[in-house]
Each structure stands twice: as structure tokens, then as C-alpha cells.
């Protein structure tokens, strides 16, 4: 699964999540149910996006 910051396609499902407008490809919508996106800072002060959860996840990661 990936994340892209681009313009939504015409057939994307558009949602407003916590005040943020997102567009999700319809064919992966069921795969991202329950996924949360967080910013994580490492010990050396680098930051990155991390996905947690999901419908088939027994742990706290995708």
C-alpha cells in the first residue's frame, strides 16, 4: 500500500477525515478501513509518516 500527494482522480472516493480532504481509490477502500496515519519522530530527530492498523492486522502496523 502506498501514499501519494496528488490530485484526486475522477473515480476516487472523496472523504473529509478530521477536517482533511482525502481521496481514496475505490478498489483499496476496504483495505484502509481502520488505518491511522501518524507522524513519527526517530531518536535522531528525523520524521516520517507511519500507518497503523487495518482490517487484517493483528498487530499495530500495516
C-alpha atoms as a PDB file:
ATOM      1  CA  UNK A   1       0.000   0.000   0.000  1.00  0.00           C
ATOM      2  CA  UNK A   2       1.303   3.465  -0.784  1.00  0.00           C
ATOM      3  CA  UNK A   3       0.532   7.086  -0.195  1.00  0.00           C
ATOM      4  CA  UNK A   4       0.608   9.812  -2.819  1.00  0.00           C
ATOM      5  CA  UNK A   5       0.020  13.521  -2.511  1.00  0.00           C
ATOM      6  CA  UNK A   6      -1.554  14.352  -5.850  1.00  0.00           C
ATOM      7  CA  UNK A   7      -4.821  15.485  -7.368  1.00  0.00           C
ATOM      8  CA  UNK A   8      -7.767  13.104  -6.899  1.00  0.00           C
ATOM      9  CA  UNK A   9      -8.871  11.011  -9.844  1.00  0.00           C
ATOM     10  CA  UNK A  10     -12.442  11.341 -11.055  1.00  0.00           C
ATOM     11  CA  UNK A  11     -13.388   7.877  -9.735  1.00  0.00           C
ATOM     12  CA  UNK A  12     -11.725   8.253  -6.293  1.00  0.00           C
ATOM     13  CA  UNK A  13     -13.885   8.175  -3.171  1.00  0.00           C
ATOM     14  CA  UNK A  14     -13.591  11.614  -1.570  1.00  0.00           C
ATOM     15  CA  UNK A  15     -13.902  11.968   2.206  1.00  0.00           C
ATOM     16  CA  UNK A  16     -13.323  14.597   4.853  1.00  0.00           C
ATOM     17  CA  UNK A  17     -11.415  12.993   7.746  1.00  0.00           C
ATOM     18  CA  UNK A  18     -10.788  15.206  10.781  1.00  0.00           C
ATOM     19  CA  UNK A  19     -11.010  18.295   8.575  1.00  0.00           C
ATOM     20  CA  UNK A  20      -8.581  16.941   5.969  1.00  0.00           C
ATOM     21  CA  UNK A  21      -9.871  16.277   2.455  1.00  0.00           C
ATOM     22  CA  UNK A  22      -8.687  12.886   1.177  1.00  0.00           C
ATOM     23  CA  UNK A  23      -9.286  10.871  -1.983  1.00  0.00           C
ATOM     24  CA  UNK A  24      -9.005   7.090  -1.861  1.00  0.00           C
ATOM     25  CA  UNK A  25      -9.001   4.699  -4.797  1.00  0.00           C
ATOM     26  CA  UNK A  26     -12.240   2.728  -4.587  1.00  0.00           C
ATOM     27  CA  UNK A  27     -10.531  -0.664  -5.070  1.00  0.00           C
ATOM     28  CA  UNK A  28      -8.404  -0.220  -1.909  1.00  0.00           C
ATOM     29  CA  UNK A  29     -11.091   1.364   0.281  1.00  0.00           C
ATOM     30  CA  UNK A  30     -11.754  -1.876   2.198  1.00  0.00           C
ATOM     31  CA  UNK A  31      -8.007  -2.304   2.814  1.00  0.00           C
ATOM     32  CA  UNK A  32      -7.642   1.056   4.558  1.00  0.00           C
ATOM     33  CA  UNK A  33     -10.625   0.708   6.881  1.00  0.00           C
ATOM     34  CA  UNK A  34      -9.297   1.297  10.389  1.00  0.00           C
ATOM     35  CA  UNK A  35      -5.880   2.541   9.249  1.00  0.00           C
ATOM     36  CA  UNK A  36      -4.479   5.580  11.026  1.00  0.00           C
ATOM     37  CA  UNK A  37      -1.676   7.761   9.744  1.00  0.00           C
ATOM     38  CA  UNK A  38       0.757   9.281  12.254  1.00  0.00           C
ATOM     39  CA  UNK A  39       3.896  11.370  12.167  1.00  0.00           C
ATOM     40  CA  UNK A  40       6.722   9.624  13.987  1.00  0.00           C
ATOM     41  CA  UNK A  41       9.988  11.161  15.139  1.00  0.00           C
ATOM     42  CA  UNK A  42      13.048   8.916  15.476  1.00  0.00           C
ATOM     43  CA  UNK A  43      15.755   9.185  18.117  1.00  0.00           C
ATOM     44  CA  UNK A  44      17.888  11.201  15.676  1.00  0.00           C
ATOM     45  CA  UNK A  45      15.049  13.767  15.162  1.00  0.00           C
ATOM     46  CA  UNK A  46      14.017  12.550  11.706  1.00  0.00           C
ATOM     47  CA  UNK A  47      10.287  12.471  10.944  1.00  0.00           C
ATOM     48  CA  UNK A  48       8.190  10.260   8.718  1.00  0.00           C
ATOM     49  CA  UNK A  49       4.654   9.046   8.169  1.00  0.00           C
ATOM     50  CA  UNK A  50       3.651   5.700   9.672  1.00  0.00           C
ATOM     51  CA  UNK A  51       0.459   3.708   9.020  1.00  0.00           C
ATOM     52  CA  UNK A  52      -1.054   1.714  11.894  1.00  0.00           C
ATOM     53  CA  UNK A  53      -3.879  -0.821  11.986  1.00  0.00           C
ATOM     54  CA  UNK A  54      -6.107  -2.045   9.220  1.00  0.00           C
ATOM     55  CA  UNK A  55      -8.817  -4.664   8.795  1.00  0.00           C
ATOM     56  CA  UNK A  56      -6.468  -7.684   8.704  1.00  0.00           C
ATOM     57  CA  UNK A  57      -3.918  -6.509  11.216  1.00  0.00           C
ATOM     58  CA  UNK A  58      -3.330  -8.429  14.425  1.00  0.00           C
ATOM     59  CA  UNK A  59      -0.553  -6.021  15.372  1.00  0.00           C
ATOM     60  CA  UNK A  60      -0.255  -2.236  15.407  1.00  0.00           C
ATOM     61  CA  UNK A  61       1.140  -1.940  11.882  1.00  0.00           C
ATOM     62  CA  UNK A  62       0.042  -2.464   8.293  1.00  0.00           C
END
